Amino acid sequence: TAAFTYSFDEPYTVTPGTDAVDAG
């Protein structure tokens, strides 16, 4: 029981360079 601890120092992030783009 509770033998493993998950910890995250910082979040993983994914950020697009724009919120809209033309196809292609």
mmCIF file of all heavy atoms, coordinates in Angstrom:
data_MODEL
# 
_entry.id   MODEL 
# 
loop_
_atom_site.group_PDB 
_atom_site.id 
_atom_site.type_symbol 
_atom_site.label_atom_id 
_atom_site.label_alt_id 
_atom_site.label_comp_id 
_atom_site.label_asym_id 
_atom_site.label_entity_id 
_atom_site.label_seq_id 
_atom_site.pdbx_PDB_ins_code 
_atom_site.Cartn_x 
_atom_site.Cartn_y 
_atom_site.Cartn_z 
_atom_site.occupancy 
_atom_site.B_iso_or_equiv 
_atom_site.pdbx_formal_charge 
_atom_site.auth_seq_id 
_atom_site.auth_comp_id 
_atom_site.auth_asym_id 
_atom_site.auth_atom_id 
_atom_site.pdbx_PDB_model_num 
ATOM 1   N N   . THR A 1 1  ? 0.828  -1.201 0.000   1.00 0.00 ? 1  THR A N   1 
ATOM 2   C CA  . THR A 1 1  ? 0.000  0.000  0.000   1.00 0.00 ? 1  THR A CA  1 
ATOM 3   C C   . THR A 1 1  ? 0.866  1.256  0.000   1.00 0.00 ? 1  THR A C   1 
ATOM 4   O O   . THR A 1 1  ? 1.793  1.378  0.792   1.00 0.00 ? 1  THR A O   1 
ATOM 5   C CB  . THR A 1 1  ? -0.928 0.010  1.228   1.00 0.00 ? 1  THR A CB  1 
ATOM 6   O OG1 . THR A 1 1  ? -1.691 -1.199 1.220   1.00 0.00 ? 1  THR A OG1 1 
ATOM 7   C CG2 . THR A 1 1  ? -1.857 1.207  1.207   1.00 0.00 ? 1  THR A CG2 1 
ATOM 8   N N   . ALA A 1 2  ? 0.572  2.152  -0.938  1.00 0.00 ? 2  ALA A N   1 
ATOM 9   C CA  . ALA A 1 2  ? 1.245  3.447  -1.059  1.00 0.00 ? 2  ALA A CA  1 
ATOM 10  C C   . ALA A 1 2  ? 2.775  3.295  -1.159  1.00 0.00 ? 2  ALA A C   1 
ATOM 11  O O   . ALA A 1 2  ? 3.524  4.120  -0.659  1.00 0.00 ? 2  ALA A O   1 
ATOM 12  C CB  . ALA A 1 2  ? 0.875  4.361  0.093   1.00 0.00 ? 2  ALA A CB  1 
ATOM 13  N N   . ALA A 1 3  ? 3.230  2.242  -1.821  1.00 0.00 ? 3  ALA A N   1 
ATOM 14  C CA  . ALA A 1 3  ? 4.672  1.972  -1.923  1.00 0.00 ? 3  ALA A CA  1 
ATOM 15  C C   . ALA A 1 3  ? 5.360  2.764  -3.030  1.00 0.00 ? 3  ALA A C   1 
ATOM 16  O O   . ALA A 1 3  ? 6.580  2.783  -3.119  1.00 0.00 ? 3  ALA A O   1 
ATOM 17  C CB  . ALA A 1 3  ? 4.902  0.491  -2.139  1.00 0.00 ? 3  ALA A CB  1 
ATOM 18  N N   . PHE A 1 4  ? 4.582  3.414  -3.881  1.00 0.00 ? 4  PHE A N   1 
ATOM 19  C CA  . PHE A 1 4  ? 5.140  4.209  -4.977  1.00 0.00 ? 4  PHE A CA  1 
ATOM 20  C C   . PHE A 1 4  ? 4.523  5.596  -4.903  1.00 0.00 ? 4  PHE A C   1 
ATOM 21  O O   . PHE A 1 4  ? 3.338  5.737  -4.580  1.00 0.00 ? 4  PHE A O   1 
ATOM 22  C CB  . PHE A 1 4  ? 4.801  3.557  -6.327  1.00 0.00 ? 4  PHE A CB  1 
ATOM 23  C CG  . PHE A 1 4  ? 5.432  4.235  -7.502  1.00 0.00 ? 4  PHE A CG  1 
ATOM 24  C CD1 . PHE A 1 4  ? 6.716  3.898  -7.909  1.00 0.00 ? 4  PHE A CD1 1 
ATOM 25  C CD2 . PHE A 1 4  ? 4.748  5.222  -8.201  1.00 0.00 ? 4  PHE A CD2 1 
ATOM 26  C CE1 . PHE A 1 4  ? 7.298  4.525  -9.000  1.00 0.00 ? 4  PHE A CE1 1 
ATOM 27  C CE2 . PHE A 1 4  ? 5.328  5.854  -9.283  1.00 0.00 ? 4  PHE A CE2 1 
ATOM 28  C CZ  . PHE A 1 4  ? 6.605  5.507  -9.691  1.00 0.00 ? 4  PHE A CZ  1 
ATOM 29  N N   . THR A 1 5  ? 5.331  6.625  -5.173  1.00 0.00 ? 5  THR A N   1 
ATOM 30  C CA  . THR A 1 5  ? 4.814  7.986  -5.139  1.00 0.00 ? 5  THR A CA  1 
ATOM 31  C C   . THR A 1 5  ? 5.050  8.669  -6.478  1.00 0.00 ? 5  THR A C   1 
ATOM 32  O O   . THR A 1 5  ? 6.189  8.740  -6.954  1.00 0.00 ? 5  THR A O   1 
ATOM 33  C CB  . THR A 1 5  ? 5.498  8.817  -4.029  1.00 0.00 ? 5  THR A CB  1 
ATOM 34  O OG1 . THR A 1 5  ? 5.271  8.167  -2.776  1.00 0.00 ? 5  THR A OG1 1 
ATOM 35  C CG2 . THR A 1 5  ? 4.936  10.227 -3.978  1.00 0.00 ? 5  THR A CG2 1 
ATOM 36  N N   . TYR A 1 6  ? 3.970  9.129  -7.086  1.00 0.00 ? 6  TYR A N   1 
ATOM 37  C CA  . TYR A 1 6  ? 4.068  9.941  -8.291  1.00 0.00 ? 6  TYR A CA  1 
ATOM 38  C C   . TYR A 1 6  ? 4.335  11.379 -7.864  1.00 0.00 ? 6  TYR A C   1 
ATOM 39  O O   . TYR A 1 6  ? 3.685  11.878 -6.939  1.00 0.00 ? 6  TYR A O   1 
ATOM 40  C CB  . TYR A 1 6  ? 2.750  9.936  -9.069  1.00 0.00 ? 6  TYR A CB  1 
ATOM 41  C CG  . TYR A 1 6  ? 2.465  8.689  -9.852  1.00 0.00 ? 6  TYR A CG  1 
ATOM 42  C CD1 . TYR A 1 6  ? 1.759  7.639  -9.295  1.00 0.00 ? 6  TYR A CD1 1 
ATOM 43  C CD2 . TYR A 1 6  ? 2.876  8.588  -11.171 1.00 0.00 ? 6  TYR A CD2 1 
ATOM 44  C CE1 . TYR A 1 6  ? 1.472  6.500  -10.033 1.00 0.00 ? 6  TYR A CE1 1 
ATOM 45  C CE2 . TYR A 1 6  ? 2.591  7.449  -11.915 1.00 0.00 ? 6  TYR A CE2 1 
ATOM 46  C CZ  . TYR A 1 6  ? 1.894  6.420  -11.335 1.00 0.00 ? 6  TYR A CZ  1 
ATOM 47  O OH  . TYR A 1 6  ? 1.609  5.307  -12.076 1.00 0.00 ? 6  TYR A OH  1 
ATOM 48  N N   . SER A 1 7  ? 5.294  12.013 -8.518  1.00 0.00 ? 7  SER A N   1 
ATOM 49  C CA  . SER A 1 7  ? 5.518  13.430 -8.245  1.00 0.00 ? 7  SER A CA  1 
ATOM 50  C C   . SER A 1 7  ? 5.934  14.108 -9.540  1.00 0.00 ? 7  SER A C   1 
ATOM 51  O O   . SER A 1 7  ? 6.612  13.515 -10.375 1.00 0.00 ? 7  SER A O   1 
ATOM 52  C CB  . SER A 1 7  ? 6.585  13.623 -7.168  1.00 0.00 ? 7  SER A CB  1 
ATOM 53  O OG  . SER A 1 7  ? 7.834  13.170 -7.618  1.00 0.00 ? 7  SER A OG  1 
ATOM 54  N N   . PHE A 1 8  ? 5.488  15.327 -9.691  1.00 0.00 ? 8  PHE A N   1 
ATOM 55  C CA  . PHE A 1 8  ? 5.802  16.094 -10.881 1.00 0.00 ? 8  PHE A CA  1 
ATOM 56  C C   . PHE A 1 8  ? 6.271  17.468 -10.435 1.00 0.00 ? 8  PHE A C   1 
ATOM 57  O O   . PHE A 1 8  ? 5.512  18.208 -9.808  1.00 0.00 ? 8  PHE A O   1 
ATOM 58  C CB  . PHE A 1 8  ? 4.568  16.230 -11.787 1.00 0.00 ? 8  PHE A CB  1 
ATOM 59  C CG  . PHE A 1 8  ? 4.004  14.899 -12.198 1.00 0.00 ? 8  PHE A CG  1 
ATOM 60  C CD1 . PHE A 1 8  ? 2.902  14.374 -11.554 1.00 0.00 ? 8  PHE A CD1 1 
ATOM 61  C CD2 . PHE A 1 8  ? 4.604  14.154 -13.194 1.00 0.00 ? 8  PHE A CD2 1 
ATOM 62  C CE1 . PHE A 1 8  ? 2.392  13.140 -11.914 1.00 0.00 ? 8  PHE A CE1 1 
ATOM 63  C CE2 . PHE A 1 8  ? 4.110  12.911 -13.560 1.00 0.00 ? 8  PHE A CE2 1 
ATOM 64  C CZ  . PHE A 1 8  ? 3.000  12.414 -12.918 1.00 0.00 ? 8  PHE A CZ  1 
ATOM 65  N N   . ASP A 1 9  ? 7.535  17.768 -10.714 1.00 0.00 ? 9  ASP A N   1 
ATOM 66  C CA  . ASP A 1 9  ? 8.077  19.060 -10.313 1.00 0.00 ? 9  ASP A CA  1 
ATOM 67  C C   . ASP A 1 9  ? 7.458  20.194 -11.124 1.00 0.00 ? 9  ASP A C   1 
ATOM 68  O O   . ASP A 1 9  ? 7.158  21.240 -10.599 1.00 0.00 ? 9  ASP A O   1 
ATOM 69  C CB  . ASP A 1 9  ? 9.592  19.074 -10.488 1.00 0.00 ? 9  ASP A CB  1 
ATOM 70  C CG  . ASP A 1 9  ? 10.264 18.072 -9.564  1.00 0.00 ? 9  ASP A CG  1 
ATOM 71  O OD1 . ASP A 1 9  ? 9.705  17.795 -8.491  1.00 0.00 ? 9  ASP A OD1 1 
ATOM 72  O OD2 . ASP A 1 9  ? 11.341 17.577 -9.922  1.00 0.00 ? 9  ASP A OD2 1 
ATOM 73  N N   . GLU A 1 10 ? 7.288  19.976 -12.390 1.00 0.00 ? 10 GLU A N   1 
ATOM 74  C CA  . GLU A 1 10 ? 6.705  20.969 -13.271 1.00 0.00 ? 10 GLU A CA  1 
ATOM 75  C C   . GLU A 1 10 ? 5.776  20.244 -14.237 1.00 0.00 ? 10 GLU A C   1 
ATOM 76  O O   . GLU A 1 10 ? 5.997  19.085 -14.558 1.00 0.00 ? 10 GLU A O   1 
ATOM 77  C CB  . GLU A 1 10 ? 7.791  21.668 -14.087 1.00 0.00 ? 10 GLU A CB  1 
ATOM 78  C CG  . GLU A 1 10 ? 8.807  22.429 -13.261 1.00 0.00 ? 10 GLU A CG  1 
ATOM 79  C CD  . GLU A 1 10 ? 9.914  23.006 -14.117 1.00 0.00 ? 10 GLU A CD  1 
ATOM 80  O OE1 . GLU A 1 10 ? 9.650  23.413 -15.258 1.00 0.00 ? 10 GLU A OE1 1 
ATOM 81  O OE2 . GLU A 1 10 ? 11.050 23.032 -13.641 1.00 0.00 ? 10 GLU A OE2 1 
ATOM 82  N N   . PRO A 1 11 ? 4.777  20.928 -14.728 1.00 0.00 ? 11 PRO A N   1 
ATOM 83  C CA  . PRO A 1 11 ? 3.884  20.265 -15.683 1.00 0.00 ? 11 PRO A CA  1 
ATOM 84  C C   . PRO A 1 11 ? 4.518  20.142 -17.067 1.00 0.00 ? 11 PRO A C   1 
ATOM 85  O O   . PRO A 1 11 ? 5.376  20.933 -17.445 1.00 0.00 ? 11 PRO A O   1 
ATOM 86  C CB  . PRO A 1 11 ? 2.671  21.191 -15.730 1.00 0.00 ? 11 PRO A CB  1 
ATOM 87  C CG  . PRO A 1 11 ? 3.217  22.535 -15.374 1.00 0.00 ? 11 PRO A CG  1 
ATOM 88  C CD  . PRO A 1 11 ? 4.345  22.269 -14.406 1.00 0.00 ? 11 PRO A CD  1 
ATOM 89  N N   . TYR A 1 12 ? 4.093  19.133 -17.794 1.00 0.00 ? 12 TYR A N   1 
ATOM 90  C CA  . TYR A 1 12 ? 4.435  19.027 -19.209 1.00 0.00 ? 12 TYR A CA  1 
ATOM 91  C C   . TYR A 1 12 ? 3.511  20.014 -19.926 1.00 0.00 ? 12 TYR A C   1 
ATOM 92  O O   . TYR A 1 12 ? 2.328  20.104 -19.605 1.00 0.00 ? 12 TYR A O   1 
ATOM 93  C CB  . TYR A 1 12 ? 4.167  17.616 -19.721 1.00 0.00 ? 12 TYR A CB  1 
ATOM 94  C CG  . TYR A 1 12 ? 5.176  16.595 -19.243 1.00 0.00 ? 12 TYR A CG  1 
ATOM 95  C CD1 . TYR A 1 12 ? 5.178  16.152 -17.934 1.00 0.00 ? 12 TYR A CD1 1 
ATOM 96  C CD2 . TYR A 1 12 ? 6.118  16.079 -20.117 1.00 0.00 ? 12 TYR A CD2 1 
ATOM 97  C CE1 . TYR A 1 12 ? 6.105  15.210 -17.500 1.00 0.00 ? 12 TYR A CE1 1 
ATOM 98  C CE2 . TYR A 1 12 ? 7.037  15.128 -19.699 1.00 0.00 ? 12 TYR A CE2 1 
ATOM 99  C CZ  . TYR A 1 12 ? 7.028  14.711 -18.389 1.00 0.00 ? 12 TYR A CZ  1 
ATOM 100 O OH  . TYR A 1 12 ? 7.930  13.789 -17.968 1.00 0.00 ? 12 TYR A OH  1 
ATOM 101 N N   . THR A 1 13 ? 4.039  20.764 -20.879 1.00 0.00 ? 13 THR A N   1 
ATOM 102 C CA  . THR A 1 13 ? 3.209  21.720 -21.613 1.00 0.00 ? 13 THR A CA  1 
ATOM 103 C C   . THR A 1 13 ? 3.403  21.540 -23.112 1.00 0.00 ? 13 THR A C   1 
ATOM 104 O O   . THR A 1 13 ? 4.470  21.125 -23.567 1.00 0.00 ? 13 THR A O   1 
ATOM 105 C CB  . THR A 1 13 ? 3.552  23.173 -21.253 1.00 0.00 ? 13 THR A CB  1 
ATOM 106 O OG1 . THR A 1 13 ? 4.894  23.459 -21.651 1.00 0.00 ? 13 THR A OG1 1 
ATOM 107 C CG2 . THR A 1 13 ? 3.387  23.440 -19.770 1.00 0.00 ? 13 THR A CG2 1 
ATOM 108 N N   . VAL A 1 14 ? 2.363  21.851 -23.848 1.00 0.00 ? 14 VAL A N   1 
ATOM 109 C CA  . VAL A 1 14 ? 2.392  21.846 -25.305 1.00 0.00 ? 14 VAL A CA  1 
ATOM 110 C C   . VAL A 1 14 ? 1.670  23.124 -25.737 1.00 0.00 ? 14 VAL A C   1 
ATOM 111 O O   . VAL A 1 14 ? 0.495  23.312 -25.398 1.00 0.00 ? 14 VAL A O   1 
ATOM 112 C CB  . VAL A 1 14 ? 1.679  20.614 -25.891 1.00 0.00 ? 14 VAL A CB  1 
ATOM 113 C CG1 . VAL A 1 14 ? 1.822  20.585 -27.398 1.00 0.00 ? 14 VAL A CG1 1 
ATOM 114 C CG2 . VAL A 1 14 ? 2.210  19.336 -25.289 1.00 0.00 ? 14 VAL A CG2 1 
ATOM 115 N N   . THR A 1 15 ? 2.366  23.997 -26.472 1.00 0.00 ? 15 THR A N   1 
ATOM 116 C CA  . THR A 1 15 ? 1.812  25.302 -26.811 1.00 0.00 ? 15 THR A CA  1 
ATOM 117 C C   . THR A 1 15 ? 1.927  25.565 -28.300 1.00 0.00 ? 15 THR A C   1 
ATOM 118 O O   . THR A 1 15 ? 3.042  25.611 -28.839 1.00 0.00 ? 15 THR A O   1 
ATOM 119 C CB  . THR A 1 15 ? 2.558  26.411 -26.039 1.00 0.00 ? 15 THR A CB  1 
ATOM 120 O OG1 . THR A 1 15 ? 2.572  26.079 -24.649 1.00 0.00 ? 15 THR A OG1 1 
ATOM 121 C CG2 . THR A 1 15 ? 1.906  27.758 -26.250 1.00 0.00 ? 15 THR A CG2 1 
ATOM 122 N N   . PRO A 1 16 ? 0.786  25.750 -28.980 1.00 0.00 ? 16 PRO A N   1 
ATOM 123 C CA  . PRO A 1 16 ? 0.860  26.082 -30.406 1.00 0.00 ? 16 PRO A CA  1 
ATOM 124 C C   . PRO A 1 16 ? 1.357  27.508 -30.590 1.00 0.00 ? 16 PRO A C   1 
ATOM 125 O O   . PRO A 1 16 ? 1.139  28.371 -29.734 1.00 0.00 ? 16 PRO A O   1 
ATOM 126 C CB  . PRO A 1 16 ? -0.587 25.928 -30.883 1.00 0.00 ? 16 PRO A CB  1 
ATOM 127 C CG  . PRO A 1 16 ? -1.418 26.126 -29.663 1.00 0.00 ? 16 PRO A CG  1 
ATOM 128 C CD  . PRO A 1 16 ? -0.587 25.664 -28.497 1.00 0.00 ? 16 PRO A CD  1 
ATOM 129 N N   . GLY A 1 17 ? 2.018  27.765 -31.723 1.00 0.00 ? 17 GLY A N   1 
ATOM 130 C CA  . GLY A 1 17 ? 2.520  29.103 -32.021 1.00 0.00 ? 17 GLY A CA  1 
ATOM 131 C C   . GLY A 1 17 ? 1.435  30.053 -32.476 1.00 0.00 ? 17 GLY A C   1 
ATOM 132 O O   . GLY A 1 17 ? 1.660  31.261 -32.548 1.00 0.00 ? 17 GLY A O   1 
ATOM 133 N N   . THR A 1 18 ? 0.247  29.537 -32.785 1.00 0.00 ? 18 THR A N   1 
ATOM 134 C CA  . THR A 1 18 ? -0.873 30.352 -33.249 1.00 0.00 ? 18 THR A CA  1 
ATOM 135 C C   . THR A 1 18 ? -2.171 29.660 -32.894 1.00 0.00 ? 18 THR A C   1 
ATOM 136 O O   . THR A 1 18 ? -2.179 28.454 -32.630 1.00 0.00 ? 18 THR A O   1 
ATOM 137 C CB  . THR A 1 18 ? -0.791 30.575 -34.777 1.00 0.00 ? 18 THR A CB  1 
ATOM 138 O OG1 . THR A 1 18 ? -1.823 31.466 -35.176 1.00 0.00 ? 18 THR A OG1 1 
ATOM 139 C CG2 . THR A 1 18 ? -0.911 29.269 -35.543 1.00 0.00 ? 18 THR A CG2 1 
ATOM 140 N N   . ASP A 1 19 ? -3.258 30.410 -32.908 1.00 0.00 ? 19 ASP A N   1 
ATOM 141 C CA  . ASP A 1 19 ? -4.557 29.771 -32.668 1.00 0.00 ? 19 ASP A CA  1 
ATOM 142 C C   . ASP A 1 19 ? -5.338 29.565 -33.961 1.00 0.00 ? 19 ASP A C   1 
ATOM 143 O O   . ASP A 1 19 ? -6.393 28.939 -33.961 1.00 0.00 ? 19 ASP A O   1 
ATOM 144 C CB  . ASP A 1 19 ? -5.387 30.544 -31.650 1.00 0.00 ? 19 ASP A CB  1 
ATOM 145 C CG  . ASP A 1 19 ? -5.696 31.970 -32.095 1.00 0.00 ? 19 ASP A CG  1 
ATOM 146 O OD1 . ASP A 1 19 ? -5.208 32.397 -33.161 1.00 0.00 ? 19 ASP A OD1 1 
ATOM 147 O OD2 . ASP A 1 19 ? -6.432 32.652 -31.368 1.00 0.00 ? 19 ASP A OD2 1 
ATOM 148 N N   . ALA A 1 20 ? -4.796 30.064 -35.092 1.00 0.00 ? 20 ALA A N   1 
ATOM 149 C CA  . ALA A 1 20 ? -5.435 29.853 -36.399 1.00 0.00 ? 20 ALA A CA  1 
ATOM 150 C C   . ALA A 1 20 ? -4.369 29.914 -37.484 1.00 0.00 ? 20 ALA A C   1 
ATOM 151 O O   . ALA A 1 20 ? -3.408 30.684 -37.394 1.00 0.00 ? 20 ALA A O   1 
ATOM 152 C CB  . ALA A 1 20 ? -6.504 30.907 -36.645 1.00 0.00 ? 20 ALA A CB  1 
ATOM 153 N N   . VAL A 1 21 ? -4.555 29.088 -38.523 1.00 0.00 ? 21 VAL A N   1 
ATOM 154 C CA  . VAL A 1 21 ? -3.594 29.014 -39.622 1.00 0.00 ? 21 VAL A CA  1 
ATOM 155 C C   . VAL A 1 21 ? -4.340 28.599 -40.889 1.00 0.00 ? 21 VAL A C   1 
ATOM 156 O O   . VAL A 1 21 ? -5.334 27.875 -40.815 1.00 0.00 ? 21 VAL A O   1 
ATOM 157 C CB  . VAL A 1 21 ? -2.448 28.028 -39.290 1.00 0.00 ? 21 VAL A CB  1 
ATOM 158 C CG1 . VAL A 1 21 ? -2.965 26.622 -39.109 1.00 0.00 ? 21 VAL A CG1 1 
ATOM 159 C CG2 . VAL A 1 21 ? -1.339 28.081 -40.304 1.00 0.00 ? 21 VAL A CG2 1 
ATOM 160 N N   . ASP A 1 22 ? -3.858 29.049 -42.026 1.00 0.00 ? 22 ASP A N   1 
ATOM 161 C CA  . ASP A 1 22 ? -4.441 28.617 -43.299 1.00 0.00 ? 22 ASP A CA  1 
ATOM 162 C C   . ASP A 1 22 ? -4.036 27.177 -43.580 1.00 0.00 ? 22 ASP A C   1 
ATOM 163 O O   . ASP A 1 22 ? -2.920 26.753 -43.238 1.00 0.00 ? 22 ASP A O   1 
ATOM 164 C CB  . ASP A 1 22 ? -3.953 29.506 -44.440 1.00 0.00 ? 22 ASP A CB  1 
ATOM 165 C CG  . ASP A 1 22 ? -4.508 30.918 -44.351 1.00 0.00 ? 22 ASP A CG  1 
ATOM 166 O OD1 . ASP A 1 22 ? -5.624 31.091 -43.823 1.00 0.00 ? 22 ASP A OD1 1 
ATOM 167 O OD2 . ASP A 1 22 ? -3.813 31.858 -44.800 1.00 0.00 ? 22 ASP A OD2 1 
ATOM 168 N N   . ALA A 1 23 ? -4.923 26.427 -44.212 1.00 0.00 ? 23 ALA A N   1 
ATOM 169 C CA  . ALA A 1 23 ? -4.626 25.042 -44.586 1.00 0.00 ? 23 ALA A CA  1 
ATOM 170 C C   . ALA A 1 23 ? -3.347 25.014 -45.416 1.00 0.00 ? 23 ALA A C   1 
ATOM 171 O O   . ALA A 1 23 ? -3.177 25.807 -46.337 1.00 0.00 ? 23 ALA A O   1 
ATOM 172 C CB  . ALA A 1 23 ? -5.783 24.454 -45.372 1.00 0.00 ? 23 ALA A CB  1 
ATOM 173 N N   . GLY A 1 24 ? -2.426 24.147 -45.042 1.00 0.00 ? 24 GLY A N   1 
ATOM 174 C CA  . GLY A 1 24 ? -1.159 24.033 -45.750 1.00 0.00 ? 24 GLY A CA  1 
ATOM 175 C C   . GLY A 1 24 ? -0.133 25.092 -45.381 1.00 0.00 ? 24 GLY A C   1 
ATOM 176 O O   . GLY A 1 24 ? 0.977  25.085 -45.898 1.00 0.00 ? 24 GLY A O   1 
# 
